[in-house]
């Protein structure tokens, strides 16, 4: 983000991603609940400590916009004044259950810090493996997004950023 300081004078202003500001998640979510409630003509109960914990533990790859979309989805599908995060953000529960249920192969302990290109290569390989396992399907039951614990729109964005086409994995 760049902020103007006068005619033609700009300086960069770094705003860390939401995953680096977990303390902001609750304040933003509460503000979104109020704003969305006004727009829908409904009143919602304050977010419970459990809801806040779940929201703060998520990595928010879609940043603040994804948080707002999740709160809106929870508000729209709720039947009463309590937000329904279980259906609005199912990947938190699904991912947690999968990690607990599936044993992970031991990883060699390495103190080396990975370069961004190495992390990207690992992510790309993992997405391709998920697409292969899902026979090229991105969304739906058994789709790559579900296997990865992501929203289909988030996976589609990551695929685009990583240069992955469905044909790479089929």
Protein backbone atom coordinates (compact mmCIF):
# COMPACT_ATOMS: atom_id res chain seq x y z
CA UNK A 1 0.00 0.00 0.00
CA UNK A 2 1.31 3.48 -0.79
CA UNK A 3 0.23 6.62 0.99
CA UNK A 4 0.48 10.08 -0.57
CA UNK A 5 2.59 12.74 1.09
CA UNK A 6 2.01 15.49 -1.39
CA UNK A 7 2.10 15.98 -5.13
CA UNK A 8 3.81 12.94 -6.59
CA UNK A 9 5.46 11.97 -3.29
CA UNK A 10 4.58 8.48 -2.12
CA UNK A 11 6.07 6.21 0.50
CA UNK A 12 5.38 2.52 1.06
CA UNK A 13 3.35 1.48 4.08
CA UNK A 14 3.56 -2.21 4.98
CA UNK A 15 0.42 -3.73 6.45
CA UNK A 16 1.18 -7.27 7.64
CA UNK A 17 -1.24 -10.02 6.53
CA UNK A 18 -3.98 -11.01 8.94
CA UNK A 19 -2.21 -14.29 9.81
CA UNK A 20 0.54 -12.16 11.38
CA UNK A 21 -2.01 -10.16 13.40
CA UNK A 22 -4.17 -12.76 15.22
CA UNK A 23 -5.13 -10.16 17.82
CA UNK A 24 -6.92 -8.17 15.09
CA UNK A 25 -9.11 -11.10 14.01
CA UNK A 26 -11.57 -10.76 16.90
CA UNK A 27 -11.95 -6.99 16.54
CA UNK A 28 -12.43 -7.22 12.79
CA UNK A 29 -14.85 -10.15 13.08
CA UNK A 30 -16.93 -8.29 15.68
CA UNK A 31 -17.06 -5.19 13.47
CA UNK A 32 -18.12 -7.34 10.50
CA UNK A 33 -20.84 -9.00 12.61
CA UNK A 34 -22.28 -5.59 13.51
CA UNK A 35 -22.08 -4.22 9.96
CA UNK A 36 -23.52 -7.34 8.34
CA UNK A 37 -26.23 -7.53 11.00
CA UNK A 38 -27.31 -3.95 10.21
CA UNK A 39 -27.34 -4.72 6.49
CA UNK A 40 -29.42 -7.88 7.04
CA UNK A 41 -31.68 -6.19 9.59
CA UNK A 42 -30.73 -8.75 12.25
CA UNK A 43 -29.06 -8.66 15.63
CA UNK A 44 -26.41 -11.27 16.45
CA UNK A 45 -24.99 -12.33 19.78
CA UNK A 46 -21.36 -11.40 20.44
CA UNK A 47 -18.84 -13.97 19.24
CA UNK A 48 -18.18 -16.63 21.87
CA UNK A 49 -14.65 -17.27 23.17
CA UNK A 50 -14.71 -20.58 21.25
CA UNK A 51 -15.64 -18.79 17.99
CA UNK A 52 -12.89 -16.25 18.54
CA UNK A 53 -10.35 -19.01 19.26
CA UNK A 54 -11.32 -20.84 16.07
CA UNK A 55 -11.12 -17.67 13.99
CA UNK A 56 -7.76 -16.68 15.47
CA UNK A 57 -6.28 -20.14 14.88
CA UNK A 58 -7.00 -20.04 11.15
CA UNK A 59 -4.26 -18.76 8.80
CA UNK A 60 -6.56 -16.56 6.64
CA UNK A 61 -4.92 -17.04 3.22
CA UNK A 62 -7.60 -14.74 1.79
CA UNK A 63 -6.72 -12.12 4.41
CA UNK A 64 -9.34 -9.64 5.72
CA UNK A 65 -11.66 -10.15 2.73
CA UNK A 66 -11.88 -13.88 3.48
CA UNK A 67 -12.66 -13.15 7.14
CA UNK A 68 -15.47 -10.81 6.12
CA UNK A 69 -16.86 -13.42 3.69
CA UNK A 70 -16.81 -16.12 6.38
CA UNK A 71 -18.63 -13.86 8.87
CA UNK A 72 -21.21 -12.94 6.24
CA UNK A 73 -21.74 -16.60 5.29
CA UNK A 74 -22.12 -17.50 9.00
CA UNK A 75 -24.67 -14.70 9.44
CA UNK A 76 -26.69 -15.66 6.38
CA UNK A 77 -26.93 -19.36 7.29
CA UNK A 78 -27.59 -18.84 11.01
CA UNK A 79 -31.13 -19.63 12.11
CA UNK A 80 -30.97 -17.60 15.29
CA UNK A 81 -28.85 -14.83 16.78
CA UNK A 82 -25.77 -17.09 17.12
CA UNK A 83 -23.37 -17.27 14.17
CA UNK A 84 -22.85 -20.72 12.67
CA UNK A 85 -19.10 -21.03 12.02
CA UNK A 86 -19.33 -24.82 11.65
CA UNK A 87 -20.92 -24.49 8.23
CA UNK A 88 -19.31 -21.19 7.27
CA UNK A 89 -15.75 -22.32 7.96
CA UNK A 90 -15.74 -26.13 7.85
CA UNK A 91 -12.08 -26.44 6.91
CA UNK A 92 -10.94 -25.54 10.43
CA UNK A 93 -12.66 -28.61 11.91
CA UNK A 94 -11.88 -30.84 8.93
CA UNK A 95 -8.20 -29.94 8.92
CA UNK A 96 -7.85 -30.44 12.67
CA UNK A 97 -9.56 -33.83 12.54
CA UNK A 98 -7.43 -34.93 9.60
CA UNK A 99 -4.19 -33.96 11.33
CA UNK A 100 -5.15 -35.85 14.48
CA UNK A 101 -6.42 -38.94 12.62
CA UNK A 102 -3.67 -39.30 10.01
CA UNK A 103 -0.17 -40.15 11.22
CA UNK A 104 2.46 -37.98 9.63
CA UNK A 105 5.73 -39.44 8.42
CA UNK A 106 8.63 -38.25 10.56
CA UNK A 107 10.34 -35.22 9.13
CA UNK A 108 14.09 -34.91 9.36
CA UNK A 109 14.89 -32.22 11.90
CA UNK A 110 16.58 -29.35 10.08
CA UNK A 111 17.29 -25.94 11.51
CA UNK A 112 17.76 -24.51 8.03
CA UNK A 113 15.32 -21.77 7.05
CA UNK A 114 13.66 -22.42 3.69
CA UNK A 115 13.77 -19.80 0.99
CA UNK A 116 10.46 -18.55 -0.42
CA UNK A 117 11.11 -20.44 -3.68
CA UNK A 118 11.58 -23.70 -1.73
CA UNK A 119 8.34 -23.19 0.21
CA UNK A 120 6.53 -22.41 -3.05
CA UNK A 121 7.90 -25.60 -4.64
CA UNK A 122 6.66 -27.65 -1.68
CA UNK A 123 3.23 -25.98 -1.86
CA UNK A 124 3.05 -26.53 -5.63
CA UNK A 125 3.93 -30.22 -5.26
CA UNK A 126 1.33 -30.67 -2.52
CA UNK A 127 -1.41 -28.99 -4.57
CA UNK A 128 -0.57 -31.16 -7.59
CA UNK A 129 -0.70 -34.29 -5.37
CA UNK A 130 -4.13 -33.23 -4.04
CA UNK A 131 -5.41 -32.61 -7.57
CA UNK A 132 -4.11 -36.01 -8.66
CA UNK A 133 -5.80 -37.72 -5.70
CA UNK A 134 -9.04 -35.87 -6.53
CA UNK A 135 -8.75 -36.80 -10.24
CA UNK A 136 -8.51 -33.13 -11.22
CA UNK A 137 -11.57 -31.98 -9.24
CA UNK A 138 -11.00 -28.75 -7.33
CA UNK A 139 -14.27 -28.45 -5.39
CA UNK A 140 -16.99 -30.64 -3.97
CA UNK A 141 -16.85 -33.74 -1.85
CA UNK A 142 -13.48 -35.41 -2.28
CA UNK A 143 -12.16 -32.47 -4.29
CA UNK A 144 -8.63 -31.15 -3.90
CA UNK A 145 -9.83 -28.14 -1.87
CA UNK A 146 -11.48 -30.43 0.68
CA UNK A 147 -8.37 -32.62 0.85
CA UNK A 148 -6.25 -29.56 1.54
CA UNK A 149 -8.71 -28.02 4.00
CA UNK A 150 -9.19 -24.92 1.83
CA UNK A 151 -12.09 -23.11 0.27
CA UNK A 152 -12.33 -23.94 -3.44
CA UNK A 153 -11.90 -20.25 -4.29
CA UNK A 154 -8.72 -20.10 -2.19
CA UNK A 155 -7.32 -23.18 -3.91
CA UNK A 156 -8.17 -21.74 -7.35
CA UNK A 157 -6.29 -18.55 -6.43
CA UNK A 158 -3.27 -20.52 -5.20
CA UNK A 159 -3.31 -22.66 -8.37
CA UNK A 160 -3.26 -19.52 -10.49
CA UNK A 161 -0.43 -17.99 -8.45
CA UNK A 162 1.58 -21.21 -8.65
CA UNK A 163 0.90 -21.67 -12.39
CA UNK A 164 -0.95 -24.98 -11.90
CA UNK A 165 -3.57 -26.07 -14.40
CA UNK A 166 -5.89 -29.00 -13.77
CA UNK A 167 -4.28 -30.86 -16.67
CA UNK A 168 -0.98 -30.98 -14.70
CA UNK A 169 -2.54 -33.32 -12.19
CA UNK A 170 -4.84 -35.57 -14.21
